[in-house]
Amino acid sequence: MVKQKSRNIGLDVKPPKKTCKDIKCPFHGRLSIRGRIFIGKVVSDKASKTVIIRWDYHRYNPKYERYERRHSKVVAYSPECLDAKEGDIVKIAECRPLSKTKKFVVIEKMK
């Protein structure tokens, strides 16, 4: 019997090259993915297995008939096999609540 290195999470992403024994990893553990998917930049990786992701977007302001720049920051879980660092562009997906503030998990490093 051949053991599968990483499981299919149901999204079109590249599985990580490294393996881990983390139960909260979507590829090597039991964490399921649902809901929204975002691409953003890691602005902080100081906490253990946690990264803060920021993405910019534009919002139309009807009073001035222009677009304004805005941004959002989200706390995400970073599995050991992906090892996201500050400055990386990553793809995150929504999952079940992992803690009080973590409801997203990193699923791919883009750059």
PDB file of N, CA and C in Angstrom:
ATOM      1  N   MET A   1       0.838  -1.184   0.000  1.00  0.00           N
ATOM      2  CA  MET A   1       0.000   0.000   0.000  1.00  0.00           C
ATOM      3  C   MET A   1       0.882   1.246   0.000  1.00  0.00           C
ATOM      4  N   VAL A   2       0.630   2.161  -0.937  1.00  0.00           N
ATOM      5  CA  VAL A   2       1.411   3.382  -1.071  1.00  0.00           C
ATOM      6  C   VAL A   2       0.686   4.510  -0.352  1.00  0.00           C
ATOM      7  N   LYS A   3       1.377   5.196   0.516  1.00  0.00           N
ATOM      8  CA  LYS A   3       0.785   6.301   1.260  1.00  0.00           C
ATOM      9  C   LYS A   3       0.841   7.572   0.414  1.00  0.00           C
ATOM     10  N   GLN A   4      -0.274   8.267   0.328  1.00  0.00           N
ATOM     11  CA  GLN A   4      -0.361   9.496  -0.440  1.00  0.00           C
ATOM     12  C   GLN A   4       0.356  10.609   0.308  1.00  0.00           C
ATOM     13  N   LYS A   5       1.215  11.376  -0.401  1.00  0.00           N
ATOM     14  CA  LYS A   5       1.976  12.435   0.251  1.00  0.00           C
ATOM     15  C   LYS A   5       1.093  13.595   0.676  1.00  0.00           C
ATOM     16  N   SER A   6       0.214  14.045  -0.203  1.00  0.00           N
ATOM     17  CA  SER A   6      -0.686  15.137   0.160  1.00  0.00           C
ATOM     18  C   SER A   6      -2.054  14.861  -0.449  1.00  0.00           C
ATOM     19  N   ARG A   7      -3.088  15.243   0.265  1.00  0.00           N
ATOM     20  CA  ARG A   7      -4.434  14.966  -0.221  1.00  0.00           C
ATOM     21  C   ARG A   7      -4.930  16.095  -1.109  1.00  0.00           C
ATOM     22  N   ASN A   8      -5.915  15.801  -1.909  1.00  0.00           N
ATOM     23  CA  ASN A   8      -6.524  16.780  -2.797  1.00  0.00           C
ATOM     24  C   ASN A   8      -7.497  17.632  -1.985  1.00  0.00           C
ATOM     25  N   ILE A   9      -7.291  18.959  -1.981  1.00  0.00           N
ATOM     26  CA  ILE A   9      -8.156  19.832  -1.185  1.00  0.00           C
ATOM     27  C   ILE A   9      -9.322  20.375  -2.000  1.00  0.00           C
ATOM     28  N   GLY A  10      -9.399  20.024  -3.285  1.00  0.00           N
ATOM     29  CA  GLY A  10     -10.529  20.423  -4.112  1.00  0.00           C
ATOM     30  C   GLY A  10     -10.344  21.742  -4.821  1.00  0.00           C
ATOM     31  N   LEU A  11      -9.151  22.338  -4.737  1.00  0.00           N
ATOM     32  CA  LEU A  11      -8.869  23.601  -5.422  1.00  0.00           C
ATOM     33  C   LEU A  11      -7.693  23.407  -6.369  1.00  0.00           C
ATOM     34  N   ASP A  12      -7.588  24.277  -7.353  1.00  0.00           N
ATOM     35  CA  ASP A  12      -6.512  24.189  -8.330  1.00  0.00           C
ATOM     36  C   ASP A  12      -5.271  24.913  -7.796  1.00  0.00           C
ATOM     37  N   VAL A  13      -4.593  24.281  -6.844  1.00  0.00           N
ATOM     38  CA  VAL A  13      -3.365  24.830  -6.261  1.00  0.00           C
ATOM     39  C   VAL A  13      -2.285  23.755  -6.287  1.00  0.00           C
ATOM     40  N   LYS A  14      -1.044  24.211  -6.288  1.00  0.00           N
ATOM     41  CA  LYS A  14       0.068  23.270  -6.259  1.00  0.00           C
ATOM     42  C   LYS A  14       0.271  22.769  -4.829  1.00  0.00           C
ATOM     43  N   PRO A  15       0.359  21.456  -4.626  1.00  0.00           N
ATOM     44  CA  PRO A  15       0.620  20.966  -3.269  1.00  0.00           C
ATOM     45  C   PRO A  15       2.053  21.292  -2.848  1.00  0.00           C
ATOM     46  N   PRO A  16       2.301  21.459  -1.557  1.00  0.00           N
ATOM     47  CA  PRO A  16       3.657  21.797  -1.110  1.00  0.00           C
ATOM     48  C   PRO A  16       4.626  20.643  -1.319  1.00  0.00           C
ATOM     49  N   LYS A  17       5.900  20.990  -1.521  1.00  0.00           N
ATOM     50  CA  LYS A  17       6.935  19.979  -1.734  1.00  0.00           C
ATOM     51  C   LYS A  17       7.323  19.312  -0.425  1.00  0.00           C
ATOM     52  N   LYS A  18       7.300  20.075   0.677  1.00  0.00           N
ATOM     53  CA  LYS A  18       7.632  19.511   1.989  1.00  0.00           C
ATOM     54  C   LYS A  18       6.401  18.830   2.584  1.00  0.00           C
ATOM     55  N   THR A  19       6.628  17.925   3.522  1.00  0.00           N
ATOM     56  CA  THR A  19       5.527  17.283   4.228  1.00  0.00           C
ATOM     57  C   THR A  19       5.558  17.716   5.695  1.00  0.00           C
ATOM     58  N   CYS A  20       4.420  17.596   6.355  1.00  0.00           N
ATOM     59  CA  CYS A  20       4.346  17.940   7.768  1.00  0.00           C
ATOM     60  C   CYS A  20       3.382  16.992   8.455  1.00  0.00           C
ATOM     61  N   LYS A  21       3.410  16.985   9.763  1.00  0.00           N
ATOM     62  CA  LYS A  21       2.503  16.155  10.554  1.00  0.00           C
ATOM     63  C   LYS A  21       1.489  17.019  11.288  1.00  0.00           C
ATOM     64  N   ASP A  22       1.198  18.181  10.745  1.00  0.00           N
ATOM     65  CA  ASP A  22       0.288  19.139  11.357  1.00  0.00           C
ATOM     66  C   ASP A  22      -1.157  18.731  11.073  1.00  0.00           C
ATOM     67  N   ILE A  23      -1.962  18.568  12.099  1.00  0.00           N
ATOM     68  CA  ILE A  23      -3.355  18.153  11.919  1.00  0.00           C
ATOM     69  C   ILE A  23      -4.205  19.282  11.335  1.00  0.00           C
ATOM     70  N   LYS A  24      -3.762  20.548  11.470  1.00  0.00           N
ATOM     71  CA  LYS A  24      -4.494  21.690  10.927  1.00  0.00           C
ATOM     72  C   LYS A  24      -4.045  22.067   9.516  1.00  0.00           C
ATOM     73  N   CYS A  25      -3.213  21.253   8.884  1.00  0.00           N
ATOM     74  CA  CYS A  25      -2.766  21.490   7.513  1.00  0.00           C
ATOM     75  C   CYS A  25      -3.824  20.951   6.553  1.00  0.00           C
ATOM     76  N   PRO A  26      -4.241  21.726   5.549  1.00  0.00           N
ATOM     77  CA  PRO A  26      -5.249  21.207   4.616  1.00  0.00           C
ATOM     78  C   PRO A  26      -4.720  20.086   3.727  1.00  0.00           C
ATOM     79  N   PHE A  27      -3.413  19.998   3.508  1.00  0.00           N
ATOM     80  CA  PHE A  27      -2.834  18.977   2.641  1.00  0.00           C
ATOM     81  C   PHE A  27      -2.465  17.699   3.399  1.00  0.00           C
ATOM     82  N   HIS A  28      -1.980  17.809   4.633  1.00  0.00           N
ATOM     83  CA  HIS A  28      -1.493  16.649   5.378  1.00  0.00           C
ATOM     84  C   HIS A  28      -2.314  16.348   6.632  1.00  0.00           C
ATOM     85  N   GLY A  29      -3.287  17.185   6.932  1.00  0.00           N
ATOM     86  CA  GLY A  29      -4.127  16.984   8.109  1.00  0.00           C
ATOM     87  C   GLY A  29      -5.569  16.756   7.715  1.00  0.00           C
ATOM     88  N   ARG A  30      -6.475  17.182   8.593  1.00  0.00           N
ATOM     89  CA  ARG A  30      -7.902  16.954   8.367  1.00  0.00           C
ATOM     90  C   ARG A  30      -8.682  18.242   8.139  1.00  0.00           C
ATOM     91  N   LEU A  31      -8.020  19.363   7.957  1.00  0.00           N
ATOM     92  CA  LEU A  31      -8.712  20.646   7.816  1.00  0.00           C
ATOM     93  C   LEU A  31      -9.364  20.759   6.440  1.00  0.00           C
ATOM     94  N   SER A  32     -10.657  21.055   6.418  1.00  0.00           N
ATOM     95  CA  SER A  32     -11.361  21.219   5.149  1.00  0.00           C
ATOM     96  C   SER A  32     -11.484  22.698   4.802  1.00  0.00           C
ATOM     97  N   ILE A  33     -11.544  22.973   3.516  1.00  0.00           N
ATOM     98  CA  ILE A  33     -11.604  24.333   2.988  1.00  0.00           C
ATOM     99  C   ILE A  33     -13.036  24.612   2.546  1.00  0.00           C
ATOM    100  N   ARG A  34     -13.487  25.857   2.795  1.00  0.00           N
ATOM    101  CA  ARG A  34     -14.818  26.269   2.369  1.00  0.00           C
ATOM    102  C   ARG A  34     -14.809  27.769   2.147  1.00  0.00           C
ATOM    103  N   GLY A  35     -15.769  28.277   1.438  1.00  0.00           N
ATOM    104  CA  GLY A  35     -15.988  29.723   1.371  1.00  0.00           C
ATOM    105  C   GLY A  35     -15.040  30.487   0.476  1.00  0.00           C
ATOM    106  N   ARG A  36     -14.577  31.616   0.965  1.00  0.00           N
ATOM    107  CA  ARG A  36     -13.878  32.614   0.155  1.00  0.00           C
ATOM    108  C   ARG A  36     -12.384  32.321   0.026  1.00  0.00           C
ATOM    109  N   ILE A  37     -11.801  32.816  -1.075  1.00  0.00           N
ATOM    110  CA  ILE A  37     -10.367  32.661  -1.355  1.00  0.00           C
ATOM    111  C   ILE A  37      -9.822  34.037  -1.717  1.00  0.00           C
ATOM    112  N   PHE A  38      -8.657  34.388  -1.142  1.00  0.00           N
ATOM    113  CA  PHE A  38      -8.036  35.683  -1.404  1.00  0.00           C
ATOM    114  C   PHE A  38      -6.559  35.505  -1.735  1.00  0.00           C
ATOM    115  N   ILE A  39      -6.010  36.498  -2.421  1.00  0.00           N
ATOM    116  CA  ILE A  39      -4.573  36.568  -2.660  1.00  0.00           C
ATOM    117  C   ILE A  39      -4.096  37.850  -2.002  1.00  0.00           C
ATOM    118  N   GLY A  40      -3.054  37.741  -1.173  1.00  0.00           N
ATOM    119  CA  GLY A  40      -2.550  38.913  -0.466  1.00  0.00           C
ATOM    120  C   GLY A  40      -1.086  38.775  -0.134  1.00  0.00           C
ATOM    121  N   LYS A  41      -0.566  39.793   0.534  1.00  0.00           N
ATOM    122  CA  LYS A  41       0.845  39.849   0.894  1.00  0.00           C
ATOM    123  C   LYS A  41       0.991  39.652   2.401  1.00  0.00           C
ATOM    124  N   VAL A  42       1.977  38.864   2.794  1.00  0.00           N
ATOM    125  CA  VAL A  42       2.241  38.638   4.215  1.00  0.00           C
ATOM    126  C   VAL A  42       2.944  39.878   4.769  1.00  0.00           C
ATOM    127  N   VAL A  43       2.334  40.524   5.757  1.00  0.00           N
ATOM    128  CA  VAL A  43       2.931  41.719   6.357  1.00  0.00           C
ATOM    129  C   VAL A  43       3.574  41.423   7.701  1.00  0.00           C
ATOM    130  N   SER A  44       3.220  40.280   8.326  1.00  0.00           N
ATOM    131  CA  SER A  44       3.835  39.918   9.593  1.00  0.00           C
ATOM    132  C   SER A  44       3.816  38.409   9.755  1.00  0.00           C
ATOM    133  N   ASP A  45       4.937  37.863  10.252  1.00  0.00           N
ATOM    134  CA  ASP A  45       5.017  36.431  10.541  1.00  0.00           C
ATOM    135  C   ASP A  45       5.656  36.192  11.905  1.00  0.00           C
ATOM    136  N   LYS A  46       5.444  37.130  12.832  1.00  0.00           N
ATOM    137  CA  LYS A  46       6.102  37.074  14.134  1.00  0.00           C
ATOM    138  C   LYS A  46       5.519  35.999  15.048  1.00  0.00           C
ATOM    139  N   ALA A  47       4.229  35.732  14.956  1.00  0.00           N
ATOM    140  CA  ALA A  47       3.608  34.728  15.819  1.00  0.00           C
ATOM    141  C   ALA A  47       3.871  33.324  15.286  1.00  0.00           C
ATOM    142  N   SER A  48       3.800  32.346  16.147  1.00  0.00           N
ATOM    143  CA  SER A  48       4.053  30.956  15.770  1.00  0.00           C
ATOM    144  C   SER A  48       2.907  30.407  14.920  1.00  0.00           C
ATOM    145  N   LYS A  49       3.232  29.888  13.748  1.00  0.00           N
ATOM    146  CA  LYS A  49       2.273  29.280  12.808  1.00  0.00           C
ATOM    147  C   LYS A  49       1.151  30.238  12.414  1.00  0.00           C
ATOM    148  N   THR A  50       1.400  31.534  12.475  1.00  0.00           N
ATOM    149  CA  THR A  50       0.394  32.536  12.165  1.00  0.00           C
ATOM    150  C   THR A  50       1.011  33.630  11.308  1.00  0.00           C
ATOM    151  N   VAL A  51       0.277  34.077  10.297  1.00  0.00           N
ATOM    152  CA  VAL A  51       0.714  35.202   9.466  1.00  0.00           C
ATOM    153  C   VAL A  51      -0.440  36.185   9.343  1.00  0.00           C
ATOM    154  N   ILE A  52      -0.102  37.444   9.098  1.00  0.00           N
ATOM    155  CA  ILE A  52      -1.099  38.471   8.859  1.00  0.00           C
ATOM    156  C   ILE A  52      -1.017  38.849   7.385  1.00  0.00           C
ATOM    157  N   ILE A  53      -2.151  38.749   6.697  1.00  0.00           N
ATOM    158  CA  ILE A  53      -2.230  38.975   5.261  1.00  0.00           C
ATOM    159  C   ILE A  53      -2.948  40.295   5.012  1.00  0.00           C
ATOM    160  N   ARG A  54      -2.444  41.062   4.049  1.00  0.00           N
ATOM    161  CA  ARG A  54      -3.081  42.322   3.658  1.00  0.00           C
ATOM    162  C   ARG A  54      -3.343  42.288   2.155  1.00  0.00           C
ATOM    163  N   TRP A  55      -4.544  42.724   1.758  1.00  0.00           N
ATOM    164  CA  TRP A  55      -4.806  42.901   0.339  1.00  0.00           C
ATOM    165  C   TRP A  55      -5.503  44.223   0.116  1.00  0.00           C
ATOM    166  N   ASP A  56      -5.164  44.856  -1.001  1.00  0.00           N
ATOM    167  CA  ASP A  56      -5.695  46.164  -1.352  1.00  0.00           C
ATOM    168  C   ASP A  56      -6.846  46.002  -2.341  1.00  0.00           C
ATOM    169  N   TYR A  57      -7.789  46.923  -2.277  1.00  0.00           N
ATOM    170  CA  TYR A  57      -8.899  46.937  -3.216  1.00  0.00           C
ATOM    171  C   TYR A  57      -9.365  48.369  -3.400  1.00  0.00           C
ATOM    172  N   HIS A  58     -10.198  48.601  -4.403  1.00  0.00           N
ATOM    173  CA  HIS A  58     -10.741  49.925  -4.685  1.00  0.00           C
ATOM    174  C   HIS A  58     -12.238  49.927  -4.400  1.00  0.00           C
ATOM    175  N   ARG A  59     -12.715  51.038  -3.848  1.00  0.00           N
ATOM    176  CA  ARG A  59     -14.140  51.209  -3.561  1.00  0.00           C
ATOM    177  C   ARG A  59     -14.600  52.492  -4.211  1.00  0.00           C
ATOM    178  N   TYR A  60     -15.727  52.426  -4.915  1.00  0.00           N
ATOM    179  CA  TYR A  60     -16.257  53.599  -5.594  1.00  0.00           C
ATOM    180  C   TYR A  60     -16.935  54.518  -4.592  1.00  0.00           C
ATOM    181  N   ASN A  61     -16.590  55.817  -4.634  1.00  0.00           N
ATOM    182  CA  ASN A  61     -17.196  56.833  -3.784  1.00  0.00           C
ATOM    183  C   ASN A  61     -18.139  57.667  -4.659  1.00  0.00           C
ATOM    184  N   PRO A  62     -19.454  57.475  -4.506  1.00  0.00           N
ATOM    185  CA  PRO A  62     -20.386  58.163  -5.403  1.00  0.00           C
ATOM    186  C   PRO A  62     -20.427  59.681  -5.226  1.00  0.00           C
ATOM    187  N   LYS A  63     -20.101  60.185  -4.049  1.00  0.00           N
ATOM    188  CA  LYS A  63     -20.145  61.633  -3.827  1.00  0.00           C
ATOM    189  C   LYS A  63     -19.115  62.348  -4.696  1.00  0.00           C
ATOM    190  N   TYR A  64     -17.899  61.801  -4.738  1.00  0.00           N
ATOM    191  CA  TYR A  64     -16.826  62.418  -5.516  1.00  0.00           C
ATOM    192  C   TYR A  64     -16.639  61.770  -6.884  1.00  0.00           C
ATOM    193  N   GLU A  65     -17.451  60.739  -7.181  1.00  0.00           N
ATOM    194  CA  GLU A  65     -17.404  60.023  -8.462  1.00  0.00           C
ATOM    195  C   GLU A  65     -15.998  59.526  -8.772  1.00  0.00           C
ATOM    196  N   ARG A  66     -15.367  58.975  -7.763  1.00  0.00           N
ATOM    197  CA  ARG A  66     -14.006  58.437  -7.914  1.00  0.00           C
ATOM    198  C   ARG A  66     -13.878  57.163  -7.107  1.00  0.00           C
ATOM    199  N   TYR A  67     -12.774  56.488  -7.327  1.00  0.00           N
ATOM    200  CA  TYR A  67     -12.452  55.291  -6.552  1.00  0.00           C
ATOM    201  C   TYR A  67     -11.467  55.653  -5.457  1.00  0.00           C
ATOM    202  N   GLU A  68     -11.617  55.020  -4.305  1.00  0.00           N
ATOM    203  CA  GLU A  68     -10.676  55.231  -3.218  1.00  0.00           C
ATOM    204  C   GLU A  68      -9.977  53.915  -2.909  1.00  0.00           C
ATOM    205  N   ARG A  69      -8.737  54.023  -2.479  1.00  0.00           N
ATOM    206  CA  ARG A  69      -7.967  52.826  -2.146  1.00  0.00           C
ATOM    207  C   ARG A  69      -8.261  52.421  -0.711  1.00  0.00           C
ATOM    208  N   ARG A  70      -8.488  51.124  -0.510  1.00  0.00           N
ATOM    209  CA  ARG A  70      -8.700  50.577   0.826  1.00  0.00           C
ATOM    210  C   ARG A  70      -7.905  49.294   0.952  1.00  0.00           C
ATOM    211  N   HIS A  71      -7.804  48.803   2.191  1.00  0.00           N
ATOM    212  CA  HIS A  71      -7.120  47.530   2.394  1.00  0.00           C
ATOM    213  C   HIS A  71      -7.776  46.772   3.544  1.00  0.00           C
ATOM    214  N   SER A  72      -7.541  45.473   3.571  1.00  0.00           N
ATOM    215  CA  SER A  72      -8.028  44.615   4.645  1.00  0.00           C
ATOM    216  C   SER A  72      -6.868  43.788   5.170  1.00  0.00           C
ATOM    217  N   LYS A  73      -6.897  43.505   6.450  1.00  0.00           N
ATOM    218  CA  LYS A  73      -5.900  42.633   7.071  1.00  0.00           C
ATOM    219  C   LYS A  73      -6.628  41.464   7.706  1.00  0.00           C
ATOM    220  N   VAL A  74      -6.077  40.265   7.519  1.00  0.00           N
ATOM    221  CA  VAL A  74      -6.678  39.051   8.041  1.00  0.00           C
ATOM    222  C   VAL A  74      -5.588  38.206   8.662  1.00  0.00           C
ATOM    223  N   VAL A  75      -5.900  37.577   9.790  1.00  0.00           N
ATOM    224  CA  VAL A  75      -4.983  36.645  10.429  1.00  0.00           C
ATOM    225  C   VAL A  75      -5.240  35.264   9.845  1.00  0.00           C
ATOM    226  N   ALA A  76      -4.172  34.574   9.435  1.00  0.00           N
ATOM    227  CA  ALA A  76      -4.312  33.262   8.807  1.00  0.00           C
ATOM    228  C   ALA A  76      -3.343  32.268   9.425  1.00  0.00           C
ATOM    229  N   TYR A  77      -3.718  31.007   9.395  1.00  0.00           N
ATOM    230  CA  TYR A  77      -2.872  29.928   9.890  1.00  0.00           C
ATOM    231  C   TYR A  77      -1.886  29.540   8.794  1.00  0.00           C
ATOM    232  N   SER A  78      -0.631  29.374   9.159  1.00  0.00           N
ATOM    233  CA  SER A  78       0.414  29.020   8.195  1.00  0.00           C
ATOM    234  C   SER A  78       0.990  27.650   8.561  1.00  0.00           C
ATOM    235  N   PRO A  79       0.674  26.599   7.786  1.00  0.00           N
ATOM    236  CA  PRO A  79       1.215  25.274   8.083  1.00  0.00           C
ATOM    237  C   PRO A  79       2.736  25.241   7.916  1.00  0.00           C
ATOM    238  N   GLU A  80       3.374  24.292   8.599  1.00  0.00           N
ATOM    239  CA  GLU A  80       4.829  24.182   8.552  1.00  0.00           C
ATOM    240  C   GLU A  80       5.335  23.853   7.153  1.00  0.00           C
ATOM    241  N   CYS A  81       4.560  23.106   6.376  1.00  0.00           N
ATOM    242  CA  CYS A  81       5.026  22.687   5.056  1.00  0.00           C
ATOM    243  C   CYS A  81       5.074  23.849   4.059  1.00  0.00           C
ATOM    244  N   LEU A  82       4.270  24.892   4.253  1.00  0.00           N
ATOM    245  CA  LEU A  82       4.292  26.045   3.355  1.00  0.00           C
ATOM    246  C   LEU A  82       5.259  27.113   3.833  1.00  0.00           C
ATOM    247  N   ASP A  83       5.358  27.333   5.128  1.00  0.00           N
ATOM    248  CA  ASP A  83       6.347  28.230   5.723  1.00  0.00           C
ATOM    249  C   ASP A  83       6.348  29.614   5.065  1.00  0.00           C
ATOM    250  N   ALA A  84       5.237  30.338   5.172  1.00  0.00           N
ATOM    251  CA  ALA A  84       5.116  31.680   4.600  1.00  0.00           C
ATOM    252  C   ALA A  84       5.896  32.679   5.449  1.00  0.00           C
ATOM    253  N   LYS A  85       6.659  33.515   4.793  1.00  0.00           N
ATOM    254  CA  LYS A  85       7.466  34.540   5.460  1.00  0.00           C
ATOM    255  C   LYS A  85       6.985  35.927   5.058  1.00  0.00           C
ATOM    256  N   GLU A  86       7.451  36.927   5.778  1.00  0.00           N
ATOM    257  CA  GLU A  86       7.069  38.313   5.502  1.00  0.00           C
ATOM    258  C   GLU A  86       7.517  38.717   4.099  1.00  0.00           C
ATOM    259  N   GLY A  87       6.606  39.323   3.343  1.00  0.00           N
ATOM    260  CA  GLY A  87       6.897  39.751   1.985  1.00  0.00           C
ATOM    261  C   GLY A  87       6.421  38.784   0.917  1.00  0.00           C
ATOM    262  N   ASP A  88       6.025  37.563   1.279  1.00  0.00           N
ATOM    263  CA  ASP A  88       5.539  36.582   0.316  1.00  0.00           C
ATOM    264  C   ASP A  88       4.129  36.932  -0.140  1.00  0.00           C
ATOM    265  N   ILE A  89       3.835  36.614  -1.407  1.00  0.00           N
ATOM    266  CA  ILE A  89       2.483  36.711  -1.930  1.00  0.00           C
ATOM    267  C   ILE A  89       1.872  35.313  -1.785  1.00  0.00           C
ATOM    268  N   VAL A  90       0.741  35.211  -1.072  1.00  0.00           N
ATOM    269  CA  VAL A  90       0.149  33.917  -0.774  1.00  0.00           C
ATOM    270  C   VAL A  90      -1.331  33.903  -1.128  1.00  0.00           C
ATOM    271  N   LYS A  91      -1.853  32.698  -1.271  1.00  0.00           N
ATOM    272  CA  LYS A  91      -3.285  32.494  -1.476  1.00  0.00           C
ATOM    273  C   LYS A  91      -3.828  31.888  -0.196  1.00  0.00           C
ATOM    274  N   ILE A  92      -4.908  32.483   0.338  1.00  0.00           N
ATOM    275  CA  ILE A  92      -5.513  31.983   1.565  1.00  0.00           C
ATOM    276  C   ILE A  92      -6.955  31.576   1.284  1.00  0.00           C
ATOM    277  N   ALA A  93      -7.444  30.611   2.053  1.00  0.00           N
ATOM    278  CA  ALA A  93      -8.810  30.130   1.897  1.00  0.00           C
ATOM    279  C   ALA A  93      -9.486  30.092   3.256  1.00  0.00           C
ATOM    280  N   GLU A  94     -10.786  30.250   3.241  1.00  0.00           N
ATOM    281  CA  GLU A  94     -11.567  30.227   4.477  1.00  0.00           C
ATOM    282  C   GLU A  94     -11.723  28.792   4.961  1.00  0.00           C
ATOM    283  N   CYS A  95     -11.717  28.627   6.272  1.00  0.00           N
ATOM    284  CA  CYS A  95     -11.907  27.307   6.879  1.00  0.00           C
ATOM    285  C   CYS A  95     -12.706  27.500   8.163  1.00  0.00           C
ATOM    286  N   ARG A  96     -12.826  26.436   8.941  1.00  0.00           N
ATOM    287  CA  ARG A  96     -13.516  26.560  10.220  1.00  0.00           C
ATOM    288  C   ARG A  96     -12.706  27.449  11.159  1.00  0.00           C
ATOM    289  N   PRO A  97     -13.293  28.028  12.193  1.00  0.00           N
ATOM    290  CA  PRO A  97     -12.514  28.846  13.124  1.00  0.00           C
ATOM    291  C   PRO A  97     -11.453  28.012  13.839  1.00  0.00           C
ATOM    292  N   LEU A  98     -10.185  28.437  13.702  1.00  0.00           N
ATOM    293  CA  LEU A  98      -9.079  27.734  14.343  1.00  0.00           C
ATOM    294  C   LEU A  98      -8.740  28.355  15.691  1.00  0.00           C
ATOM    295  N   SER A  99      -9.079  29.621  15.881  1.00  0.00           N
ATOM    296  CA  SER A  99      -8.909  30.304  17.158  1.00  0.00           C
ATOM    297  C   SER A  99      -9.866  31.487  17.166  1.00  0.00           C
ATOM    298  N   LYS A 100      -9.686  32.393  18.100  1.00  0.00           N
ATOM    299  CA  LYS A 100     -10.585  33.546  18.194  1.00  0.00           C
ATOM    300  C   LYS A 100     -10.520  34.412  16.935  1.00  0.00           C
ATOM    301  N   THR A 101      -9.336  34.590  16.363  1.00  0.00           N
ATOM    302  CA  THR A 101      -9.185  35.473  15.212  1.00  0.00           C
ATOM    303  C   THR A 101      -8.855  34.750  13.913  1.00  0.00           C
ATOM    304  N   LYS A 102      -8.407  33.505  13.962  1.00  0.00           N
ATOM    305  CA  LYS A 102      -7.981  32.782  12.749  1.00  0.00           C
ATOM    306  C   LYS A 102      -9.133  31.995  12.151  1.00  0.00           C
ATOM    307  N   LYS A 103      -9.536  32.410  10.951  1.00  0.00           N
ATOM    308  CA  LYS A 103     -10.568  31.705  10.206  1.00  0.00           C
ATOM    309  C   LYS A 103     -10.130  31.439   8.772  1.00  0.00           C
ATOM    310  N   PHE A 104      -8.850  31.674   8.485  1.00  0.00           N
ATOM    311  CA  PHE A 104      -8.284  31.434   7.164  1.00  0.00           C
ATOM    312  C   PHE A 104      -7.020  30.601   7.305  1.00  0.00           C
ATOM    313  N   VAL A 105      -6.638  29.912   6.223  1.00  0.00           N
ATOM    314  CA  VAL A 105      -5.426  29.108   6.203  1.00  0.00           C
ATOM    315  C   VAL A 105      -4.691  29.367   4.880  1.00  0.00           C
ATOM    316  N   VAL A 106      -3.363  29.410   4.931  1.00  0.00           N
ATOM    317  CA  VAL A 106      -2.554  29.599   3.731  1.00  0.00           C
ATOM    318  C   VAL A 106      -2.562  28.288   2.950  1.00  0.00           C
ATOM    319  N   ILE A 107      -2.883  28.363   1.642  1.00  0.00           N
ATOM    320  CA  ILE A 107      -2.930  27.144   0.836  1.00  0.00           C
ATOM    321  C   ILE A 107      -1.880  27.129  -0.272  1.00  0.00           C
ATOM    322  N   GLU A 108      -1.285  28.290  -0.592  1.00  0.00           N
ATOM    323  CA  GLU A 108      -0.273  28.305  -1.657  1.00  0.00           C
ATOM    324  C   GLU A 108       0.579  29.550  -1.562  1.00  0.00           C
ATOM    325  N   LYS A 109       1.894  29.378  -1.838  1.00  0.00           N
ATOM    326  CA  LYS A 109       2.794  30.512  -1.975  1.00  0.00           C
ATOM    327  C   LYS A 109       2.881  30.858  -3.449  1.00  0.00           C
ATOM    328  N   MET A 110       2.518  32.079  -3.801  1.00  0.00           N
ATOM    329  CA  MET A 110       2.532  32.488  -5.208  1.00  0.00           C
ATOM    330  C   MET A 110       3.939  32.874  -5.648  1.00  0.00           C
ATOM    331  N   LYS A 111       4.625  33.699  -4.836  1.00  0.00           N
ATOM    332  CA  LYS A 111       5.996  34.137  -5.156  1.00  0.00           C
ATOM    333  C   LYS A 111       6.857  33.992  -3.935  1.00  0.00           C
TER     334      LYS A 111
END
